[in-house]
ModelCIF file with pLDDT and N, C-alpha, C, O atoms, coordinates in Angstrom:
data_MODEL
#
_entry.id   MODEL 
#
_entity.id                         1 
_entity.type                       polymer 
_entity.pdbx_number_of_molecules   1 
#
_entity_poly.entity_id                      1 
_entity_poly.type                           'polypeptide(L)' 
_entity_poly.nstd_linkage                   no 
_entity_poly.nstd_monomer                   no 
_entity_poly.pdbx_seq_one_letter_code       VAGIKTSGESNIKWDDDTPFNDGDPNKGYDKFKRFDYGGNLLAGIE 
_entity_poly.pdbx_seq_one_letter_code_can   VAGIKTSGESNIKWDDDTPFNDGDPNKGYDKFKRFDYGGNLLAGIE 
_entity_poly.pdbx_strand_id                 A 
#
loop_
_entity_poly_seq.entity_id 
_entity_poly_seq.num 
_entity_poly_seq.mon_id 
_entity_poly_seq.hetero 
1 1  VAL n 
1 2  ALA n 
1 3  GLY n 
1 4  ILE n 
1 5  LYS n 
1 6  THR n 
1 7  SER n 
1 8  GLY n 
1 9  GLU n 
1 10 SER n 
1 11 ASN n 
1 12 ILE n 
1 13 LYS n 
1 14 TRP n 
1 15 ASP n 
1 16 ASP n 
1 17 ASP n 
1 18 THR n 
1 19 PRO n 
1 20 PHE n 
1 21 ASN n 
1 22 ASP n 
1 23 GLY n 
1 24 ASP n 
1 25 PRO n 
1 26 ASN n 
1 27 LYS n 
1 28 GLY n 
1 29 TYR n 
1 30 ASP n 
1 31 LYS n 
1 32 PHE n 
1 33 LYS n 
1 34 ARG n 
1 35 PHE n 
1 36 ASP n 
1 37 TYR n 
1 38 GLY n 
1 39 GLY n 
1 40 ASN n 
1 41 LEU n 
1 42 LEU n 
1 43 ALA n 
1 44 GLY n 
1 45 ILE n 
1 46 GLU n 
#
_struct_asym.id          A 
_struct_asym.entity_id   1 
#
loop_
_ma_qa_metric.id 
_ma_qa_metric.mode 
_ma_qa_metric.name 
_ma_qa_metric.software_group_id 
_ma_qa_metric.type 
1 global pLDDT . pLDDT 
2 local  pLDDT . pLDDT 
#
_ma_qa_metric_global.metric_id      1 
_ma_qa_metric_global.metric_value   81.74 
_ma_qa_metric_global.model_id       1 
_ma_qa_metric_global.ordinal_id     1 
#
loop_
_ma_qa_metric_local.label_asym_id 
_ma_qa_metric_local.label_comp_id 
_ma_qa_metric_local.label_seq_id 
_ma_qa_metric_local.metric_id 
_ma_qa_metric_local.metric_value 
_ma_qa_metric_local.model_id 
_ma_qa_metric_local.ordinal_id 
A VAL 1  2 86.00 1 1  
A ALA 2  2 74.00 1 2  
A GLY 3  2 77.00 1 3  
A ILE 4  2 82.00 1 4  
A LYS 5  2 84.00 1 5  
A THR 6  2 87.00 1 6  
A SER 7  2 85.00 1 7  
A GLY 8  2 90.00 1 8  
A GLU 9  2 89.00 1 9  
A SER 10 2 91.00 1 10 
A ASN 11 2 95.00 1 11 
A ILE 12 2 92.00 1 12 
A LYS 13 2 91.00 1 13 
A TRP 14 2 91.00 1 14 
A ASP 15 2 85.00 1 15 
A ASP 16 2 75.00 1 16 
A ASP 17 2 68.00 1 17 
A THR 18 2 62.00 1 18 
A PRO 19 2 59.00 1 19 
A PHE 20 2 57.00 1 20 
A ASN 21 2 56.00 1 21 
A ASP 22 2 58.00 1 22 
A GLY 23 2 59.00 1 23 
A ASP 24 2 59.00 1 24 
A PRO 25 2 61.00 1 25 
A ASN 26 2 63.00 1 26 
A LYS 27 2 63.00 1 27 
A GLY 28 2 64.00 1 28 
A TYR 29 2 64.00 1 29 
A ASP 30 2 76.00 1 30 
A LYS 31 2 87.00 1 31 
A PHE 32 2 91.00 1 32 
A LYS 33 2 91.00 1 33 
A ARG 34 2 91.00 1 34 
A PHE 35 2 93.00 1 35 
A ASP 36 2 95.00 1 36 
A TYR 37 2 96.00 1 37 
A GLY 38 2 97.00 1 38 
A GLY 39 2 98.00 1 39 
A ASN 40 2 97.00 1 40 
A LEU 41 2 98.00 1 41 
A LEU 42 2 98.00 1 42 
A ALA 43 2 98.00 1 43 
A GLY 44 2 97.00 1 44 
A ILE 45 2 96.00 1 45 
A GLU 46 2 94.00 1 46 
#
loop_
_atom_site.group_PDB 
_atom_site.id 
_atom_site.type_symbol 
_atom_site.label_atom_id 
_atom_site.label_alt_id 
_atom_site.label_comp_id 
_atom_site.label_asym_id 
_atom_site.label_entity_id 
_atom_site.label_seq_id 
_atom_site.pdbx_PDB_ins_code 
_atom_site.Cartn_x 
_atom_site.Cartn_y 
_atom_site.Cartn_z 
_atom_site.occupancy 
_atom_site.B_iso_or_equiv 
_atom_site.pdbx_formal_charge 
_atom_site.auth_seq_id 
_atom_site.auth_comp_id 
_atom_site.auth_asym_id 
_atom_site.auth_atom_id 
_atom_site.pdbx_PDB_model_num 
ATOM 1   N N  . VAL A 1 1  ? 16.172  -3.878  15.505  1.00 86.00 ? 1  VAL A N  1 
ATOM 2   C CA . VAL A 1 1  ? 16.591  -2.668  16.209  1.00 86.00 ? 1  VAL A CA 1 
ATOM 3   C C  . VAL A 1 1  ? 17.375  -3.095  17.438  1.00 86.00 ? 1  VAL A C  1 
ATOM 4   O O  . VAL A 1 1  ? 16.847  -3.746  18.339  1.00 86.00 ? 1  VAL A O  1 
ATOM 5   N N  . ALA A 1 2  ? 18.643  -2.715  17.455  1.00 74.00 ? 2  ALA A N  1 
ATOM 6   C CA . ALA A 1 2  ? 19.537  -3.098  18.551  1.00 74.00 ? 2  ALA A CA 1 
ATOM 7   C C  . ALA A 1 2  ? 19.520  -4.608  18.774  1.00 74.00 ? 2  ALA A C  1 
ATOM 8   O O  . ALA A 1 2  ? 19.572  -5.084  19.908  1.00 74.00 ? 2  ALA A O  1 
ATOM 9   N N  . GLY A 1 3  ? 19.446  -5.354  17.663  1.00 77.00 ? 3  GLY A N  1 
ATOM 10  C CA . GLY A 1 3  ? 19.486  -6.800  17.733  1.00 77.00 ? 3  GLY A CA 1 
ATOM 11  C C  . GLY A 1 3  ? 18.153  -7.473  18.008  1.00 77.00 ? 3  GLY A C  1 
ATOM 12  O O  . GLY A 1 3  ? 18.075  -8.701  18.005  1.00 77.00 ? 3  GLY A O  1 
ATOM 13  N N  . ILE A 1 4  ? 17.087  -6.685  18.248  1.00 82.00 ? 4  ILE A N  1 
ATOM 14  C CA . ILE A 1 4  ? 15.768  -7.248  18.524  1.00 82.00 ? 4  ILE A CA 1 
ATOM 15  C C  . ILE A 1 4  ? 14.962  -7.275  17.225  1.00 82.00 ? 4  ILE A C  1 
ATOM 16  O O  . ILE A 1 4  ? 14.766  -6.241  16.586  1.00 82.00 ? 4  ILE A O  1 
ATOM 17  N N  . LYS A 1 5  ? 14.497  -8.466  16.840  1.00 84.00 ? 5  LYS A N  1 
ATOM 18  C CA . LYS A 1 5  ? 13.819  -8.641  15.561  1.00 84.00 ? 5  LYS A CA 1 
ATOM 19  C C  . LYS A 1 5  ? 12.306  -8.651  15.722  1.00 84.00 ? 5  LYS A C  1 
ATOM 20  O O  . LYS A 1 5  ? 11.777  -9.235  16.668  1.00 84.00 ? 5  LYS A O  1 
ATOM 21  N N  . THR A 1 6  ? 11.617  -8.002  14.794  1.00 87.00 ? 6  THR A N  1 
ATOM 22  C CA . THR A 1 6  ? 10.160  -8.051  14.720  1.00 87.00 ? 6  THR A CA 1 
ATOM 23  C C  . THR A 1 6  ? 9.764   -8.215  13.262  1.00 87.00 ? 6  THR A C  1 
ATOM 24  O O  . THR A 1 6  ? 10.530  -7.865  12.364  1.00 87.00 ? 6  THR A O  1 
ATOM 25  N N  . SER A 1 7  ? 8.576   -8.743  13.025  1.00 85.00 ? 7  SER A N  1 
ATOM 26  C CA . SER A 1 7  ? 8.089   -8.912  11.658  1.00 85.00 ? 7  SER A CA 1 
ATOM 27  C C  . SER A 1 7  ? 6.575   -8.953  11.676  1.00 85.00 ? 7  SER A C  1 
ATOM 28  O O  . SER A 1 7  ? 5.959   -9.133  12.726  1.00 85.00 ? 7  SER A O  1 
ATOM 29  N N  . GLY A 1 8  ? 5.979   -8.783  10.502  1.00 90.00 ? 8  GLY A N  1 
ATOM 30  C CA . GLY A 1 8  ? 4.533   -8.837  10.399  1.00 90.00 ? 8  GLY A CA 1 
ATOM 31  C C  . GLY A 1 8  ? 4.089   -8.723  8.958   1.00 90.00 ? 8  GLY A C  1 
ATOM 32  O O  . GLY A 1 8  ? 4.906   -8.542  8.055   1.00 90.00 ? 8  GLY A O  1 
ATOM 33  N N  . GLU A 1 9  ? 2.792   -8.830  8.750   1.00 89.00 ? 9  GLU A N  1 
ATOM 34  C CA . GLU A 1 9  ? 2.239   -8.705  7.407   1.00 89.00 ? 9  GLU A CA 1 
ATOM 35  C C  . GLU A 1 9  ? 0.784   -8.261  7.489   1.00 89.00 ? 9  GLU A C  1 
ATOM 36  O O  . GLU A 1 9  ? 0.130   -8.406  8.522   1.00 89.00 ? 9  GLU A O  1 
ATOM 37  N N  . SER A 1 10 ? 0.295   -7.717  6.382   1.00 91.00 ? 10 SER A N  1 
ATOM 38  C CA . SER A 1 10 ? -1.108  -7.321  6.286   1.00 91.00 ? 10 SER A CA 1 
ATOM 39  C C  . SER A 1 10 ? -1.559  -7.494  4.849   1.00 91.00 ? 10 SER A C  1 
ATOM 40  O O  . SER A 1 10 ? -0.745  -7.440  3.927   1.00 91.00 ? 10 SER A O  1 
ATOM 41  N N  . ASN A 1 11 ? -2.842  -7.701  4.657   1.00 95.00 ? 11 ASN A N  1 
ATOM 42  C CA . ASN A 1 11 ? -3.395  -7.807  3.306   1.00 95.00 ? 11 ASN A CA 1 
ATOM 43  C C  . ASN A 1 11 ? -3.371  -6.459  2.615   1.00 95.00 ? 11 ASN A C  1 
ATOM 44  O O  . ASN A 1 11 ? -3.606  -5.425  3.240   1.00 95.00 ? 11 ASN A O  1 
ATOM 45  N N  . ILE A 1 12 ? -3.087  -6.474  1.326   1.00 92.00 ? 12 ILE A N  1 
ATOM 46  C CA . ILE A 1 12 ? -3.131  -5.242  0.544   1.00 92.00 ? 12 ILE A CA 1 
ATOM 47  C C  . ILE A 1 12 ? -4.566  -4.740  0.463   1.00 92.00 ? 12 ILE A C  1 
ATOM 48  O O  . ILE A 1 12 ? -5.496  -5.520  0.260   1.00 92.00 ? 12 ILE A O  1 
ATOM 49  N N  . LYS A 1 13 ? -4.736  -3.443  0.622   1.00 91.00 ? 13 LYS A N  1 
ATOM 50  C CA . LYS A 1 13 ? -6.051  -2.820  0.507   1.00 91.00 ? 13 LYS A CA 1 
ATOM 51  C C  . LYS A 1 13 ? -6.239  -2.313  -0.922  1.00 91.00 ? 13 LYS A C  1 
ATOM 52  O O  . LYS A 1 13 ? -5.316  -1.764  -1.523  1.00 91.00 ? 13 LYS A O  1 
ATOM 53  N N  . TRP A 1 14 ? -7.438  -2.502  -1.451  1.00 91.00 ? 14 TRP A N  1 
ATOM 54  C CA . TRP A 1 14 ? -7.773  -2.063  -2.807  1.00 91.00 ? 14 TRP A CA 1 
ATOM 55  C C  . TRP A 1 14 ? -8.867  -1.009  -2.735  1.00 91.00 ? 14 TRP A C  1 
ATOM 56  O O  . TRP A 1 14 ? -9.756  -1.080  -1.886  1.00 91.00 ? 14 TRP A O  1 
ATOM 57  N N  . ASP A 1 15 ? -8.796  -0.035  -3.627  1.00 85.00 ? 15 ASP A N  1 
ATOM 58  C CA . ASP A 1 15 ? -9.799  1.037   -3.586  1.00 85.00 ? 15 ASP A CA 1 
ATOM 59  C C  . ASP A 1 15 ? -11.002 0.768   -4.492  1.00 85.00 ? 15 ASP A C  1 
ATOM 60  O O  . ASP A 1 15 ? -11.901 1.601   -4.608  1.00 85.00 ? 15 ASP A O  1 
ATOM 61  N N  . ASP A 1 16 ? -11.008 -0.426  -5.141  1.00 75.00 ? 16 ASP A N  1 
ATOM 62  C CA . ASP A 1 16 ? -12.153 -0.842  -5.961  1.00 75.00 ? 16 ASP A CA 1 
ATOM 63  C C  . ASP A 1 16 ? -12.494 0.158   -7.053  1.00 75.00 ? 16 ASP A C  1 
ATOM 64  O O  . ASP A 1 16 ? -13.662 0.341   -7.398  1.00 75.00 ? 16 ASP A O  1 
ATOM 65  N N  . ASP A 1 17 ? -11.470 0.803   -7.593  1.00 68.00 ? 17 ASP A N  1 
ATOM 66  C CA . ASP A 1 17 ? -11.695 1.711   -8.717  1.00 68.00 ? 17 ASP A CA 1 
ATOM 67  C C  . ASP A 1 17 ? -12.022 0.910   -9.956  1.00 68.00 ? 17 ASP A C  1 
ATOM 68  O O  . ASP A 1 17 ? -11.790 -0.298  -9.996  1.00 68.00 ? 17 ASP A O  1 
ATOM 69  N N  . THR A 1 18 ? -12.549 1.557   -10.952 1.00 62.00 ? 18 THR A N  1 
ATOM 70  C CA . THR A 1 18 ? -12.716 0.996   -12.288 1.00 62.00 ? 18 THR A CA 1 
ATOM 71  C C  . THR A 1 18 ? -12.230 2.052   -13.272 1.00 62.00 ? 18 THR A C  1 
ATOM 72  O O  . THR A 1 18 ? -12.061 3.211   -12.891 1.00 62.00 ? 18 THR A O  1 
ATOM 73  N N  . PRO A 1 19 ? -12.003 1.679   -14.525 1.00 59.00 ? 19 PRO A N  1 
ATOM 74  C CA . PRO A 1 19 ? -11.551 2.681   -15.500 1.00 59.00 ? 19 PRO A CA 1 
ATOM 75  C C  . PRO A 1 19 ? -12.581 3.780   -15.735 1.00 59.00 ? 19 PRO A C  1 
ATOM 76  O O  . PRO A 1 19 ? -12.255 4.807   -16.330 1.00 59.00 ? 19 PRO A O  1 
ATOM 77  N N  . PHE A 1 20 ? -13.805 3.587   -15.283 1.00 57.00 ? 20 PHE A N  1 
ATOM 78  C CA . PHE A 1 20 ? -14.872 4.537   -15.598 1.00 57.00 ? 20 PHE A CA 1 
ATOM 79  C C  . PHE A 1 20 ? -15.392 5.260   -14.353 1.00 57.00 ? 20 PHE A C  1 
ATOM 80  O O  . PHE A 1 20 ? -16.417 5.938   -14.417 1.00 57.00 ? 20 PHE A O  1 
ATOM 81  N N  . ASN A 1 21 ? -14.700 5.122   -13.228 1.00 56.00 ? 21 ASN A N  1 
ATOM 82  C CA . ASN A 1 21 ? -15.181 5.705   -11.985 1.00 56.00 ? 21 ASN A CA 1 
ATOM 83  C C  . ASN A 1 21 ? -14.116 6.614   -11.392 1.00 56.00 ? 21 ASN A C  1 
ATOM 84  O O  . ASN A 1 21 ? -13.190 6.138   -10.736 1.00 56.00 ? 21 ASN A O  1 
ATOM 85  N N  . ASP A 1 22 ? -14.238 7.923   -11.616 1.00 58.00 ? 22 ASP A N  1 
ATOM 86  C CA . ASP A 1 22 ? -13.287 8.885   -11.076 1.00 58.00 ? 22 ASP A CA 1 
ATOM 87  C C  . ASP A 1 22 ? -13.721 9.427   -9.725  1.00 58.00 ? 22 ASP A C  1 
ATOM 88  O O  . ASP A 1 22 ? -12.955 10.138  -9.074  1.00 58.00 ? 22 ASP A O  1 
ATOM 89  N N  . GLY A 1 23 ? -14.931 9.105   -9.290  1.00 59.00 ? 23 GLY A N  1 
ATOM 90  C CA . GLY A 1 23 ? -15.439 9.651   -8.041  1.00 59.00 ? 23 GLY A CA 1 
ATOM 91  C C  . GLY A 1 23 ? -15.476 8.634   -6.922  1.00 59.00 ? 23 GLY A C  1 
ATOM 92  O O  . GLY A 1 23 ? -16.359 8.691   -6.066  1.00 59.00 ? 23 GLY A O  1 
ATOM 93  N N  . ASP A 1 24 ? -14.535 7.703   -6.912  1.00 59.00 ? 24 ASP A N  1 
ATOM 94  C CA . ASP A 1 24 ? -14.521 6.645   -5.923  1.00 59.00 ? 24 ASP A CA 1 
ATOM 95  C C  . ASP A 1 24 ? -14.296 7.219   -4.525  1.00 59.00 ? 24 ASP A C  1 
ATOM 96  O O  . ASP A 1 24 ? -13.261 7.843   -4.291  1.00 59.00 ? 24 ASP A O  1 
ATOM 97  N N  . PRO A 1 25 ? -15.230 7.028   -3.588  1.00 61.00 ? 25 PRO A N  1 
ATOM 98  C CA . PRO A 1 25 ? -15.055 7.567   -2.235  1.00 61.00 ? 25 PRO A CA 1 
ATOM 99  C C  . PRO A 1 25 ? -14.088 6.751   -1.387  1.00 61.00 ? 25 PRO A C  1 
ATOM 100 O O  . PRO A 1 25 ? -13.773 7.137   -0.261  1.00 61.00 ? 25 PRO A O  1 
ATOM 101 N N  . ASN A 1 26 ? -13.615 5.624   -1.919  1.00 63.00 ? 26 ASN A N  1 
ATOM 102 C CA . ASN A 1 26 ? -12.760 4.719   -1.170  1.00 63.00 ? 26 ASN A CA 1 
ATOM 103 C C  . ASN A 1 26 ? -11.275 4.992   -1.396  1.00 63.00 ? 26 ASN A C  1 
ATOM 104 O O  . ASN A 1 26 ? -10.437 4.197   -0.971  1.00 63.00 ? 26 ASN A O  1 
ATOM 105 N N  . LYS A 1 27 ? -10.933 6.099   -2.055  1.00 63.00 ? 27 LYS A N  1 
ATOM 106 C CA . LYS A 1 27 ? -9.541  6.390   -2.376  1.00 63.00 ? 27 LYS A CA 1 
ATOM 107 C C  . LYS A 1 27 ? -8.730  6.640   -1.109  1.00 63.00 ? 27 LYS A C  1 
ATOM 108 O O  . LYS A 1 27 ? -9.249  7.124   -0.104  1.00 63.00 ? 27 LYS A O  1 
ATOM 109 N N  . GLY A 1 28 ? -7.440  6.296   -1.181  1.00 64.00 ? 28 GLY A N  1 
ATOM 110 C CA . GLY A 1 28 ? -6.535  6.553   -0.076  1.00 64.00 ? 28 GLY A CA 1 
ATOM 111 C C  . GLY A 1 28 ? -5.131  6.153   -0.457  1.00 64.00 ? 28 GLY A C  1 
ATOM 112 O O  . GLY A 1 28 ? -4.947  5.161   -1.162  1.00 64.00 ? 28 GLY A O  1 
ATOM 113 N N  . TYR A 1 29 ? -4.132  6.899   -0.010  1.00 64.00 ? 29 TYR A N  1 
ATOM 114 C CA . TYR A 1 29 ? -2.756  6.634   -0.403  1.00 64.00 ? 29 TYR A CA 1 
ATOM 115 C C  . TYR A 1 29 ? -2.227  5.322   0.162   1.00 64.00 ? 29 TYR A C  1 
ATOM 116 O O  . TYR A 1 29 ? -1.163  4.866   -0.256  1.00 64.00 ? 29 TYR A O  1 
ATOM 117 N N  . ASP A 1 30 ? -2.944  4.701   1.107   1.00 76.00 ? 30 ASP A N  1 
ATOM 118 C CA . ASP A 1 30 ? -2.522  3.414   1.633   1.00 76.00 ? 30 ASP A CA 1 
ATOM 119 C C  . ASP A 1 30 ? -3.167  2.256   0.877   1.00 76.00 ? 30 ASP A C  1 
ATOM 120 O O  . ASP A 1 30 ? -3.096  1.110   1.320   1.00 76.00 ? 30 ASP A O  1 
ATOM 121 N N  . LYS A 1 31 ? -3.794  2.550   -0.260  1.00 87.00 ? 31 LYS A N  1 
ATOM 122 C CA . LYS A 1 31 ? -4.493  1.525   -1.028  1.00 87.00 ? 31 LYS A CA 1 
ATOM 123 C C  . LYS A 1 31 ? -3.982  1.478   -2.469  1.00 87.00 ? 31 LYS A C  1 
ATOM 124 O O  . LYS A 1 31 ? -3.460  2.459   -2.999  1.00 87.00 ? 31 LYS A O  1 
ATOM 125 N N  . PHE A 1 32 ? -4.150  0.310   -3.081  1.00 91.00 ? 32 PHE A N  1 
ATOM 126 C CA . PHE A 1 32 ? -3.806  0.128   -4.484  1.00 91.00 ? 32 PHE A CA 1 
ATOM 127 C C  . PHE A 1 32 ? -5.052  0.304   -5.342  1.00 91.00 ? 32 PHE A C  1 
ATOM 128 O O  . PHE A 1 32 ? -6.156  -0.061  -4.937  1.00 91.00 ? 32 PHE A O  1 
ATOM 129 N N  . LYS A 1 33 ? -4.862  0.866   -6.528  1.00 91.00 ? 33 LYS A N  1 
ATOM 130 C CA . LYS A 1 33 ? -5.945  0.885   -7.501  1.00 91.00 ? 33 LYS A CA 1 
ATOM 131 C C  . LYS A 1 33 ? -6.216  -0.550  -7.954  1.00 91.00 ? 33 LYS A C  1 
ATOM 132 O O  . LYS A 1 33 ? -5.288  -1.315  -8.216  1.00 91.00 ? 33 LYS A O  1 
ATOM 133 N N  . ARG A 1 34 ? -7.471  -0.897  -8.042  1.00 91.00 ? 34 ARG A N  1 
ATOM 134 C CA . ARG A 1 34 ? -7.837  -2.252  -8.431  1.00 91.00 ? 34 ARG A CA 1 
ATOM 135 C C  . ARG A 1 34 ? -7.460  -2.538  -9.887  1.00 91.00 ? 34 ARG A C  1 
ATOM 136 O O  . ARG A 1 34 ? -7.093  -3.665  -10.222 1.00 91.00 ? 34 ARG A O  1 
ATOM 137 N N  . PHE A 1 35 ? -7.550  -1.526  -10.752 1.00 93.00 ? 35 PHE A N  1 
ATOM 138 C CA . PHE A 1 35 ? -7.348  -1.718  -12.185 1.00 93.00 ? 35 PHE A CA 1 
ATOM 139 C C  . PHE A 1 35 ? -5.975  -1.213  -12.605 1.00 93.00 ? 35 PHE A C  1 
ATOM 140 O O  . PHE A 1 35 ? -5.574  -0.111  -12.229 1.00 93.00 ? 35 PHE A O  1 
ATOM 141 N N  . ASP A 1 36 ? -5.250  -2.020  -13.387 1.00 95.00 ? 36 ASP A N  1 
ATOM 142 C CA . ASP A 1 36 ? -3.953  -1.631  -13.944 1.00 95.00 ? 36 ASP A CA 1 
ATOM 143 C C  . ASP A 1 36 ? -3.961  -1.931  -15.438 1.00 95.00 ? 36 ASP A C  1 
ATOM 144 O O  . ASP A 1 36 ? -4.698  -2.803  -15.897 1.00 95.00 ? 36 ASP A O  1 
ATOM 145 N N  . TYR A 1 37 ? -3.153  -1.219  -16.182 1.00 96.00 ? 37 TYR A N  1 
ATOM 146 C CA . TYR A 1 37 ? -3.074  -1.438  -17.625 1.00 96.00 ? 37 TYR A CA 1 
ATOM 147 C C  . TYR A 1 37 ? -1.704  -0.999  -18.115 1.00 96.00 ? 37 TYR A C  1 
ATOM 148 O O  . TYR A 1 37 ? -1.012  -0.229  -17.449 1.00 96.00 ? 37 TYR A O  1 
ATOM 149 N N  . GLY A 1 38 ? -1.319  -1.496  -19.287 1.00 97.00 ? 38 GLY A N  1 
ATOM 150 C CA . GLY A 1 38 ? -0.009  -1.149  -19.827 1.00 97.00 ? 38 GLY A CA 1 
ATOM 151 C C  . GLY A 1 38 ? 0.259   -1.873  -21.122 1.00 97.00 ? 38 GLY A C  1 
ATOM 152 O O  . GLY A 1 38 ? -0.666  -2.273  -21.831 1.00 97.00 ? 38 GLY A O  1 
ATOM 153 N N  . GLY A 1 39 ? 1.556   -2.042  -21.433 1.00 98.00 ? 39 GLY A N  1 
ATOM 154 C CA . GLY A 1 39 ? 1.968   -2.701  -22.660 1.00 98.00 ? 39 GLY A CA 1 
ATOM 155 C C  . GLY A 1 39 ? 3.074   -3.704  -22.404 1.00 98.00 ? 39 GLY A C  1 
ATOM 156 O O  . GLY A 1 39 ? 3.805   -3.596  -21.420 1.00 98.00 ? 39 GLY A O  1 
ATOM 157 N N  . ASN A 1 40 ? 3.197   -4.686  -23.295 1.00 97.00 ? 40 ASN A N  1 
ATOM 158 C CA . ASN A 1 40 ? 4.215   -5.722  -23.197 1.00 97.00 ? 40 ASN A CA 1 
ATOM 159 C C  . ASN A 1 40 ? 5.112   -5.726  -24.426 1.00 97.00 ? 40 ASN A C  1 
ATOM 160 O O  . ASN A 1 40 ? 4.664   -5.449  -25.539 1.00 97.00 ? 40 ASN A O  1 
ATOM 161 N N  . LEU A 1 41 ? 6.382   -6.043  -24.211 1.00 98.00 ? 41 LEU A N  1 
ATOM 162 C CA . LEU A 1 41 ? 7.318   -6.385  -25.266 1.00 98.00 ? 41 LEU A CA 1 
ATOM 163 C C  . LEU A 1 41 ? 7.867   -7.766  -24.943 1.00 98.00 ? 41 LEU A C  1 
ATOM 164 O O  . LEU A 1 41 ? 8.256   -8.022  -23.803 1.00 98.00 ? 41 LEU A O  1 
ATOM 165 N N  . LEU A 1 42 ? 7.906   -8.664  -25.929 1.00 98.00 ? 42 LEU A N  1 
ATOM 166 C CA . LEU A 1 42 ? 8.366   -10.015 -25.638 1.00 98.00 ? 42 LEU A CA 1 
ATOM 167 C C  . LEU A 1 42 ? 9.181   -10.582 -26.783 1.00 98.00 ? 42 LEU A C  1 
ATOM 168 O O  . LEU A 1 42 ? 9.078   -10.146 -27.929 1.00 98.00 ? 42 LEU A O  1 
ATOM 169 N N  . ALA A 1 43 ? 9.998   -11.574 -26.434 1.00 98.00 ? 43 ALA A N  1 
ATOM 170 C CA . ALA A 1 43 ? 10.820  -12.278 -27.412 1.00 98.00 ? 43 ALA A CA 1 
ATOM 171 C C  . ALA A 1 43 ? 11.046  -13.689 -26.892 1.00 98.00 ? 43 ALA A C  1 
ATOM 172 O O  . ALA A 1 43 ? 11.015  -13.929 -25.686 1.00 98.00 ? 43 ALA A O  1 
ATOM 173 N N  . GLY A 1 44 ? 11.273  -14.617 -27.810 1.00 97.00 ? 44 GLY A N  1 
ATOM 174 C CA . GLY A 1 44 ? 11.508  -15.973 -27.367 1.00 97.00 ? 44 GLY A CA 1 
ATOM 175 C C  . GLY A 1 44 ? 11.709  -16.931 -28.518 1.00 97.00 ? 44 GLY A C  1 
ATOM 176 O O  . GLY A 1 44 ? 11.958  -16.523 -29.652 1.00 97.00 ? 44 GLY A O  1 
ATOM 177 N N  . ILE A 1 45 ? 11.597  -18.213 -28.211 1.00 96.00 ? 45 ILE A N  1 
ATOM 178 C CA . ILE A 1 45 ? 11.804  -19.258 -29.199 1.00 96.00 ? 45 ILE A CA 1 
ATOM 179 C C  . ILE A 1 45 ? 10.804  -20.386 -28.962 1.00 96.00 ? 45 ILE A C  1 
ATOM 180 O O  . ILE A 1 45 ? 10.547  -20.771 -27.821 1.00 96.00 ? 45 ILE A O  1 
ATOM 181 N N  . GLU A 1 46 ? 10.251  -20.903 -30.033 1.00 94.00 ? 46 GLU A N  1 
ATOM 182 C CA . GLU A 1 46 ? 9.395   -22.092 -30.010 1.00 94.00 ? 46 GLU A CA 1 
ATOM 183 C C  . GLU A 1 46 ? 10.185  -23.258 -30.591 1.00 94.00 ? 46 GLU A C  1 
ATOM 184 O O  . GLU A 1 46 ? 9.669   -24.373 -30.675 1.00 94.00 ? 46 GLU A O  1 
#
């Protein structure tokens, strides 16, 4: 800002959810869900 530099970091916060717990009291928009899931597509050569 106007040539003055600042920087910092913080650890990511986790809400300790599980796939079976919808009533987690630790929820918050500044936190990541502990559990993630999805699908993969891959290609390559051996």
